C-alpha cells in the first residue's frame, strides 16, 4: 500500500527541533472527585517537576495553550447522542441517571460538575498538539492530560468521557489525508481507539497492555486484528501479569519498527499511560521508569526514520499520583525533547510532594536498577510473552505480506 497522494511536508530540520508541551492549569481539573483513582493533582505535580528541572519554556521547548474542542470536532468520532448526554448531565440539577445508557454516572465514570467543559479541554489539547505537529511548527508535541483511550463512539468508559486520541487521529485524516500509526503501552488495552478505527485501513493500532484476563477492559487479545477493510490493521500484545521491563521492552523493540515499516505512517500517535509501573495501585505489570524513557526513545527513532519525526504524545493512565506519574511523564517529556535531565530531584519540589502526599516520594527521577525485587515468576512470564508476540506475528505477517512486503 502507498501513502496519500499529498502527504504533509516534514518539519524543518534543526539541530534541536522544537518539541511543544500543551498545558494550561485548566487541564488539571479533569477528575471525578477526591475518592476517585484519577487524581488531577498528578498533572499539576508533573508540570511543577518539569518546570523545577528547567525543561520547558524556551524556543526549543515551547508551551502551547489548549482550547475546548468544538462539537463538530467531537462528532468526528462520537455519536451525537453521547455528546448531547454529556452536555445534559453537566447542567445543574440534571437527572444523573439519564446518562447511564452512555456510560455516564457509573462508578468508573461518575458525573461531576462541568464534566463536558473539562473533557472538551482535554480533547482540544490533543488537537492543538496534532495541529502544531502537522503544520510543521514543531516536530513533536506532548499533552500529558490526554490519552483517554477507553471512550468509545457512543459510550464513556474507564474514566474517559471523550476520546481525545481518536478525535485527533480523525482530524489528522480529515485535514491531511495522512496514515496514522497509534502506539499504546498503557497497562489497560486501548479498546476505545481500536473500536473506532477497527475497519479503517489508514489507521494502524498497536496496544501492548496487561492481559484482559486480569484487568479492565477484558479485551485486547491477539486475535483482535480488525474488521473488513481494516483487517490486519489492529495489533494487540496482552502481556502476562508480573511482566517487567526487559520482557515489555523486548515486545516494543520487536513490533514497533516492524509494523511501522510495513504500514508506512505519515505520523505516529503515542499514548504514554504510566500505570504499568510496579508502584501503581491498579495493575500488576511491575515495570520501572525505564520502560517509559526507553519506549519513547524507540518510538521516536521510528518516527524519525519513517515520517519526518512527526510524533504526537499524550499521557493516559497512572494512579500513583506522586510516586510515579510526575517522574514517568517528566522522563517522557525529556526524551521527546532529546534531553537527559539530572537524576536527582530538586529538594524543594521533593519536600513539597512528600508533604502534600504524605508518601515517601523517591528522590530520583529514574528508578535505580534493582530498586524492586524481581518477580518470582520472571522466567515463566518472559516465556509467556515471547509466545504471545510470536502468536501475533504468525497471525499478522501474512497480512503484512499482503501489503506488498517480503519478510
Protein backbone atom coordinates (compact mmCIF):
# COMPACT_ATOMS: atom_id res chain seq x y z
CA UNK A 1 0.00 0.00 0.00
CA UNK A 2 1.10 3.55 -0.56
CA UNK A 3 0.50 6.70 1.45
CA UNK A 4 -1.82 9.56 0.49
CA UNK A 5 -1.25 11.47 -2.72
CA UNK A 6 -0.13 14.55 -0.83
CA UNK A 7 1.49 13.68 2.50
CA UNK A 8 2.30 16.60 4.80
CA UNK A 9 5.74 18.08 4.34
CA UNK A 10 8.22 17.18 7.08
CA UNK A 11 9.06 19.86 9.63
CA UNK A 12 12.14 21.96 9.00
CA UNK A 13 15.25 20.20 10.24
CA UNK A 14 17.24 21.81 13.00
CA UNK A 15 19.95 20.77 15.44
CA UNK A 16 17.34 20.68 18.18
CA UNK A 17 13.89 20.63 16.54
CA UNK A 18 11.25 22.19 18.78
CA UNK A 19 9.01 19.99 20.90
CA UNK A 20 5.85 21.55 22.36
CA UNK A 21 4.20 20.91 25.70
CA UNK A 22 0.45 21.53 25.76
CA UNK A 23 -0.55 22.96 29.09
CA UNK A 24 -2.89 25.23 30.98
CA UNK A 25 -3.96 24.84 34.59
CA UNK A 26 -7.48 24.10 33.35
CA UNK A 27 -6.23 20.69 32.25
CA UNK A 28 -5.66 19.79 35.89
CA UNK A 29 -9.41 19.98 36.52
CA UNK A 30 -10.07 16.65 34.74
CA UNK A 31 -11.09 14.47 37.66
CA UNK A 32 -14.03 12.75 39.30
CA UNK A 33 -13.80 13.61 42.98
CA UNK A 34 -11.43 13.05 45.88
CA UNK A 35 -12.10 9.32 46.21
CA UNK A 36 -11.63 8.55 42.51
CA UNK A 37 -8.34 6.93 41.35
CA UNK A 38 -7.77 9.54 38.63
CA UNK A 39 -6.35 12.31 40.79
CA UNK A 40 -5.99 15.52 38.76
CA UNK A 41 -3.17 16.66 41.05
CA UNK A 42 -0.93 14.20 39.18
CA UNK A 43 -0.90 16.62 36.25
CA UNK A 44 -0.14 19.76 38.23
CA UNK A 45 2.61 18.00 40.18
CA UNK A 46 4.12 16.71 36.93
CA UNK A 47 4.22 20.19 35.44
CA UNK A 48 5.78 21.57 38.59
CA UNK A 49 8.57 18.99 38.32
CA UNK A 50 9.17 19.71 34.63
CA UNK A 51 9.44 23.40 35.47
CA UNK A 52 11.64 22.80 38.52
CA UNK A 53 14.10 20.94 36.28
CA UNK A 54 14.11 23.80 33.75
CA UNK A 55 12.85 21.58 30.93
CA UNK A 56 10.24 23.86 29.35
CA UNK A 57 9.50 27.40 28.26
CA UNK A 58 12.29 28.27 25.80
CA UNK A 59 12.21 28.40 21.99
CA UNK A 60 13.12 24.72 21.70
CA UNK A 61 10.53 23.61 24.28
CA UNK A 62 7.55 25.98 23.98
CA UNK A 63 4.26 25.73 25.85
CA UNK A 64 1.08 25.71 23.76
CA UNK A 65 -2.27 26.59 25.30
CA UNK A 66 -5.12 24.12 24.84
CA UNK A 67 -8.61 25.10 23.74
CA UNK A 68 -12.02 23.45 24.09
CA UNK A 69 -12.90 21.02 21.32
CA UNK A 70 -15.93 22.04 19.30
CA UNK A 71 -19.00 19.87 18.95
CA UNK A 72 -18.18 19.28 15.29
CA UNK A 73 -14.76 18.02 16.29
CA UNK A 74 -16.21 15.63 18.86
CA UNK A 75 -18.64 14.36 16.24
CA UNK A 76 -15.72 13.25 14.09
CA UNK A 77 -15.72 10.05 16.16
CA UNK A 78 -18.50 10.26 18.77
CA UNK A 79 -22.24 9.89 18.30
CA UNK A 80 -24.38 12.97 18.67
CA UNK A 81 -26.35 11.14 21.36
CA UNK A 82 -23.25 10.72 23.54
CA UNK A 83 -22.23 14.36 23.16
CA UNK A 84 -25.73 15.54 23.97
CA UNK A 85 -25.89 13.24 27.01
CA UNK A 86 -22.60 14.64 28.36
CA UNK A 87 -23.87 18.19 27.84
CA UNK A 88 -27.19 17.37 29.52
CA UNK A 89 -25.80 15.73 32.68
CA UNK A 90 -23.27 18.56 33.07
CA UNK A 91 -26.04 21.10 33.70
CA UNK A 92 -27.02 22.00 37.28
CA UNK A 93 -29.95 19.96 38.54
CA UNK A 94 -29.70 17.33 35.81
CA UNK A 95 -31.12 13.84 36.28
CA UNK A 96 -27.85 11.99 36.84
CA UNK A 97 -29.35 8.60 35.99
CA UNK A 98 -30.18 9.81 32.48
CA UNK A 99 -26.57 9.34 31.40
CA UNK A 100 -26.30 5.63 32.22
CA UNK A 101 -27.11 4.39 28.67
CA UNK A 102 -23.95 6.26 27.56
CA UNK A 103 -21.69 5.07 30.39
CA UNK A 104 -22.13 8.30 32.39
CA UNK A 105 -22.80 8.07 36.12
CA UNK A 106 -21.07 4.74 36.67
CA UNK A 107 -18.54 4.02 39.43
CA UNK A 108 -15.69 4.39 36.93
CA UNK A 109 -17.01 7.48 35.17
CA UNK A 110 -19.20 9.37 37.65
CA UNK A 111 -20.89 12.63 36.73
CA UNK A 112 -19.20 15.73 38.09
CA UNK A 113 -19.71 19.46 37.76
CA UNK A 114 -18.51 20.88 34.43
CA UNK A 115 -17.90 17.40 33.02
CA UNK A 116 -18.47 18.48 29.42
CA UNK A 117 -16.19 21.52 29.70
CA UNK A 118 -13.32 19.64 31.37
CA UNK A 119 -13.48 16.81 28.84
CA UNK A 120 -13.58 19.17 25.84
CA UNK A 121 -10.47 20.93 27.14
CA UNK A 122 -8.51 17.66 27.14
CA UNK A 123 -9.64 16.83 23.59
CA UNK A 124 -8.76 20.34 22.46
CA UNK A 125 -5.31 19.97 23.99
CA UNK A 126 -4.55 16.91 21.89
CA UNK A 127 -5.94 18.66 18.82
CA UNK A 128 -3.60 21.60 19.47
CA UNK A 129 -0.70 19.14 19.68
CA UNK A 130 -1.76 17.45 16.44
CA UNK A 131 -2.16 20.74 14.57
CA UNK A 132 1.25 22.03 15.68
CA UNK A 133 2.96 18.83 14.51
CA UNK A 134 1.09 18.51 11.22
CA UNK A 135 1.68 22.16 10.33
CA UNK A 136 5.40 21.64 10.94
CA UNK A 137 5.66 24.25 13.68
CA UNK A 138 7.13 21.58 15.98
CA UNK A 139 8.39 18.08 15.34
CA UNK A 140 6.83 16.55 18.45
CA UNK A 141 4.16 17.61 20.95
CA UNK A 142 3.01 16.25 24.30
CA UNK A 143 -0.37 16.69 26.01
CA UNK A 144 0.06 14.97 29.40
CA UNK A 145 -3.65 15.43 30.19
CA UNK A 146 -4.64 13.43 27.11
CA UNK A 147 -4.67 9.72 26.46
CA UNK A 148 -8.32 8.97 27.31
CA UNK A 149 -8.34 5.80 25.24
CA UNK A 150 -11.37 3.93 26.64
CA UNK A 151 -14.16 6.23 25.43
CA UNK A 152 -15.98 4.59 22.54
CA UNK A 153 -18.08 6.01 19.76
CA UNK A 154 -21.28 6.15 21.81
CA UNK A 155 -20.11 5.40 25.34
CA UNK A 156 -17.91 6.90 28.04
CA UNK A 157 -15.89 4.27 29.90
CA UNK A 158 -12.93 3.69 32.18
CA UNK A 159 -12.52 7.29 33.44
CA UNK A 160 -12.75 8.57 29.84
CA UNK A 161 -15.62 10.86 28.77
CA UNK A 162 -14.43 11.69 25.24
CA UNK A 163 -11.63 10.02 23.31
CA UNK A 164 -9.12 12.78 22.60
CA UNK A 165 -6.78 10.39 20.78
CA UNK A 166 -9.42 9.22 18.32
CA UNK A 167 -10.66 12.77 17.67
CA UNK A 168 -7.12 13.92 16.92
CA UNK A 169 -6.43 10.95 14.64
CA UNK A 170 -9.64 11.54 12.67
CA UNK A 171 -8.84 15.26 12.48
CA UNK A 172 -5.44 14.43 11.02
CA UNK A 173 -7.07 12.14 8.47
CA UNK A 174 -9.65 14.76 7.55
CA UNK A 175 -7.20 17.64 7.10
CA UNK A 176 -4.12 15.84 5.76
CA UNK A 177 -5.24 12.51 4.32
CA UNK A 178 -2.49 11.01 6.47
CA UNK A 179 -1.87 7.43 7.53
CA UNK A 180 -1.64 7.25 11.32
CA UNK A 181 0.12 4.68 13.47
CA UNK A 182 -1.20 4.57 17.03
CA UNK A 183 1.00 3.02 19.73
CA UNK A 184 -0.38 2.48 23.24
CA UNK A 185 1.58 0.94 26.13
CA UNK A 186 -0.79 1.84 28.95
CA UNK A 187 -1.40 -1.12 31.26
CA UNK A 188 -5.01 -1.16 30.04
CA UNK A 189 -5.98 -2.10 26.50
CA UNK A 190 -6.65 0.87 24.21
CA UNK A 191 -10.07 -0.50 23.38
CA UNK A 192 -11.84 2.75 22.50
CA UNK A 193 -9.30 3.80 19.89
CA UNK A 194 -9.26 0.28 18.48
CA UNK A 195 -13.06 0.16 18.25
CA UNK A 196 -13.36 3.49 16.47
CA UNK A 197 -10.77 2.57 13.81
CA UNK A 198 -11.35 -1.19 13.65
CA UNK A 199 -12.42 -1.10 9.99
CA UNK A 200 -10.07 1.67 8.86
CA UNK A 201 -7.01 0.60 6.83
CA UNK A 202 -5.41 4.04 7.19
CA UNK A 203 -5.02 3.74 10.97
CA UNK A 204 -2.83 1.02 12.44
CA UNK A 205 -3.40 0.49 16.17
CA UNK A 206 -0.86 -1.32 18.35
CA UNK A 207 -1.66 -1.84 22.03
CA UNK A 208 0.72 -3.50 24.49
CA UNK A 209 -1.08 -4.00 27.81
CA UNK A 210 -1.75 -6.30 30.73
CA UNK A 211 -3.86 -9.22 29.63
CA UNK A 212 -7.61 -8.74 29.81
CA UNK A 213 -7.70 -11.99 31.74
CA UNK A 214 -6.60 -9.96 34.74
CA UNK A 215 -7.54 -6.36 34.01
CA UNK A 216 -10.20 -3.99 32.67
CA UNK A 217 -11.50 -3.79 29.96
CA UNK A 218 -11.09 -7.53 29.35
CA UNK A 219 -10.20 -7.12 25.68
CA UNK A 220 -7.08 -6.80 23.54
CA UNK A 221 -6.22 -10.37 22.57
CA UNK A 222 -4.02 -11.33 19.63
CA UNK A 223 -6.96 -12.48 17.51
CA UNK A 224 -8.43 -8.94 17.50
CA UNK A 225 -6.95 -7.96 14.13
CA UNK A 226 -9.51 -5.57 12.66
CA UNK A 227 -12.60 -5.96 10.50
CA UNK A 228 -13.49 -5.51 6.84
CA UNK A 229 -11.04 -3.22 5.06
CA UNK A 230 -9.28 -2.76 8.40
CA UNK A 231 -8.46 -6.44 8.86
CA UNK A 232 -4.77 -6.64 9.73
CA UNK A 233 -4.57 -3.06 10.98
CA UNK A 234 -5.15 -3.82 14.68
CA UNK A 235 -2.39 -5.47 16.71
CA UNK A 236 -2.54 -6.44 20.37
CA UNK A 237 0.02 -7.79 22.82
CA UNK A 238 -1.72 -8.99 26.03
CA UNK A 239 1.17 -9.23 28.47
CA UNK A 240 1.20 -11.59 31.41
CA UNK A 241 0.79 -10.19 34.92
CA UNK A 242 4.21 -9.54 36.52
CA UNK A 243 5.80 -8.54 33.23
CA UNK A 244 8.88 -6.43 33.97
CA UNK A 245 10.95 -4.01 31.89
CA UNK A 246 13.04 -6.44 29.84
CA UNK A 247 10.12 -8.52 28.62
CA UNK A 248 7.93 -5.47 27.93
CA UNK A 249 10.68 -3.65 26.04
CA UNK A 250 11.54 -6.74 24.01
CA UNK A 251 8.00 -6.70 22.61
CA UNK A 252 8.19 -2.97 21.89
CA UNK A 253 11.53 -3.32 20.07
CA UNK A 254 10.36 -6.27 18.02
CA UNK A 255 6.97 -4.95 16.95
CA UNK A 256 7.03 -1.17 16.65
CA UNK A 257 9.70 -0.95 13.92
CA UNK A 258 8.33 -3.98 12.06
CA UNK A 259 4.77 -2.70 11.95
CA UNK A 260 5.83 0.85 11.12
CA UNK A 261 7.96 -0.27 8.20
CA UNK A 262 5.08 -2.40 6.93
CA UNK A 263 2.43 0.28 7.32
CA UNK A 264 4.34 3.41 6.32
CA UNK A 265 2.82 6.02 8.65
CA UNK A 266 2.82 9.76 7.99
CA UNK A 267 2.63 10.43 11.75
CA UNK A 268 2.72 8.42 14.98
CA UNK A 269 0.40 9.00 17.95
CA UNK A 270 1.82 7.62 21.22
CA UNK A 271 -0.21 7.05 24.39
CA UNK A 272 2.09 7.03 27.44
CA UNK A 273 -0.05 5.73 30.27
CA UNK A 274 2.31 5.02 33.17
CA UNK A 275 0.15 2.60 35.13
CA UNK A 276 2.39 -0.34 34.17
CA UNK A 277 4.76 0.80 36.94
CA UNK A 278 5.34 -1.55 39.86
CA UNK A 279 4.02 1.06 42.34
CA UNK A 280 0.73 1.62 40.51
CA UNK A 281 -2.17 0.52 42.74
CA UNK A 282 -4.46 -0.76 39.94
CA UNK A 283 -2.23 -3.00 37.83
CA UNK A 284 0.28 -5.85 38.02
CA UNK A 285 2.94 -5.32 35.33
CA UNK A 286 5.88 -4.39 37.62
CA UNK A 287 7.67 -2.05 35.22
CA UNK A 288 10.00 0.74 36.33
CA UNK A 289 10.60 4.23 34.96
CA UNK A 290 13.00 2.68 32.46
CA UNK A 291 10.02 1.46 30.42
CA UNK A 292 8.74 4.96 29.71
CA UNK A 293 12.09 6.51 28.84
CA UNK A 294 13.14 3.69 26.52
CA UNK A 295 9.76 3.23 24.81
CA UNK A 296 9.62 6.91 23.89
CA UNK A 297 13.16 6.67 22.54
CA UNK A 298 12.29 3.61 20.43
CA UNK A 299 9.11 5.14 19.03
CA UNK A 300 10.84 8.48 18.47
CA UNK A 301 13.58 6.79 16.44
CA UNK A 302 10.95 5.05 14.32
CA UNK A 303 9.13 8.36 13.77
CA UNK A 304 12.40 9.99 12.70
CA UNK A 305 13.07 7.18 10.25
CA UNK A 306 9.56 6.76 8.87
CA UNK A 307 7.62 10.02 8.99
CA UNK A 308 9.86 13.05 9.31
CA UNK A 309 9.87 12.80 13.09
CA UNK A 310 6.17 13.63 13.43
CA UNK A 311 5.11 12.33 16.86
CA UNK A 312 2.08 13.34 18.94
CA UNK A 313 2.25 12.10 22.53
CA UNK A 314 -0.24 12.04 25.39
CA UNK A 315 -0.43 10.84 28.95
CA UNK A 316 -3.00 8.23 29.94
CA UNK A 317 -3.44 6.01 32.97
CA UNK A 318 -1.27 6.38 36.06
CA UNK A 319 -2.65 6.24 39.58
CA UNK A 320 0.41 6.63 41.80
CA UNK A 321 -0.08 10.36 41.60
CA UNK A 322 3.08 11.44 43.42
CA UNK A 323 5.49 8.49 43.46
CA UNK A 324 5.26 7.56 39.76
CA UNK A 325 3.34 9.89 37.44
CA UNK A 326 5.49 13.05 37.79
CA UNK A 327 8.72 11.13 37.32
CA UNK A 328 7.46 8.96 34.46
CA UNK A 329 5.95 11.81 32.45
CA UNK A 330 8.91 14.09 33.08
CA UNK A 331 11.04 11.35 31.52
CA UNK A 332 8.58 11.06 28.63
CA UNK A 333 8.78 14.81 28.04
CA UNK A 334 12.57 15.00 28.38
CA UNK A 335 13.05 12.09 25.98
CA UNK A 336 10.71 13.66 23.43
CA UNK A 337 12.87 16.80 23.63
CA UNK A 338 16.13 14.89 23.33
CA UNK A 339 17.17 15.98 26.83
CA UNK A 340 18.89 13.94 29.55
CA UNK A 341 17.87 15.56 32.83
CA UNK A 342 19.79 15.03 36.07
CA UNK A 343 18.63 12.11 38.14
CA UNK A 344 18.44 13.88 41.50
CA UNK A 345 15.12 15.63 42.04
CA UNK A 346 15.12 19.25 43.24
CA UNK A 347 14.89 19.27 47.00
CA UNK A 348 12.19 21.95 47.16
CA UNK A 349 9.98 20.00 44.76
CA UNK A 350 10.61 16.74 46.59
CA UNK A 351 9.82 18.18 50.01
CA UNK A 352 6.58 19.72 48.73
CA UNK A 353 5.50 16.47 47.05
CA UNK A 354 6.19 14.47 50.21
CA UNK A 355 4.40 17.00 52.38
CA UNK A 356 1.34 17.13 50.15
CA UNK A 357 1.07 13.39 49.59
CA UNK A 358 2.25 12.05 52.93
CA UNK A 359 4.20 9.46 50.92
CA UNK A 360 7.88 8.66 50.64
CA UNK A 361 8.28 10.03 47.12
CA UNK A 362 11.51 8.68 45.52
CA UNK A 363 14.36 11.18 45.46
CA UNK A 364 15.48 10.32 41.93
CA UNK A 365 13.88 10.76 38.54
CA UNK A 366 14.70 7.21 37.50
CA UNK A 367 14.26 4.04 39.50
CA UNK A 368 17.65 2.59 40.37
CA UNK A 369 18.44 -0.85 38.91
CA UNK A 370 17.39 -3.44 41.46
CA UNK A 371 15.15 -0.97 43.32
CA UNK A 372 12.36 -3.55 43.28
CA UNK A 373 12.76 -7.29 43.84
CA UNK A 374 12.35 -9.42 40.70
CA UNK A 375 9.16 -11.35 40.22
CA UNK A 376 9.46 -14.98 41.32
CA UNK A 377 7.55 -15.79 38.11
CA UNK A 378 10.02 -13.96 35.84
CA UNK A 379 11.10 -16.92 33.69
CA UNK A 380 7.55 -18.16 33.14
CA UNK A 381 6.27 -14.66 32.38
CA UNK A 382 9.03 -13.94 29.88
CA UNK A 383 8.33 -17.21 28.08
CA UNK A 384 4.58 -16.49 28.00
CA UNK A 385 5.21 -13.05 26.50
CA UNK A 386 7.61 -14.43 23.87
CA UNK A 387 4.88 -16.86 22.84
CA UNK A 388 2.30 -14.08 22.70
CA UNK A 389 4.49 -11.95 20.42
CA UNK A 390 5.20 -14.97 18.25
CA UNK A 391 1.48 -15.74 18.03
CA UNK A 392 0.72 -12.19 16.93
CA UNK A 393 3.46 -12.32 14.30
CA UNK A 394 2.12 -15.61 12.93
CA UNK A 395 -1.30 -14.04 12.57
CA UNK A 396 -0.22 -10.68 11.19
CA UNK A 397 2.80 -11.49 9.00
CA UNK A 398 0.68 -12.99 6.20
CA UNK A 399 -1.38 -9.83 6.27
CA UNK A 400 1.77 -7.70 6.17
CA UNK A 401 2.94 -9.71 3.18
CA UNK A 402 -0.40 -8.83 1.61
CA UNK A 403 0.64 -5.19 1.97
CA UNK A 404 3.30 -5.94 -0.65
CA UNK A 405 6.25 -6.60 1.63
CA UNK A 406 8.61 -9.53 1.81
CA UNK A 407 9.97 -10.90 5.10
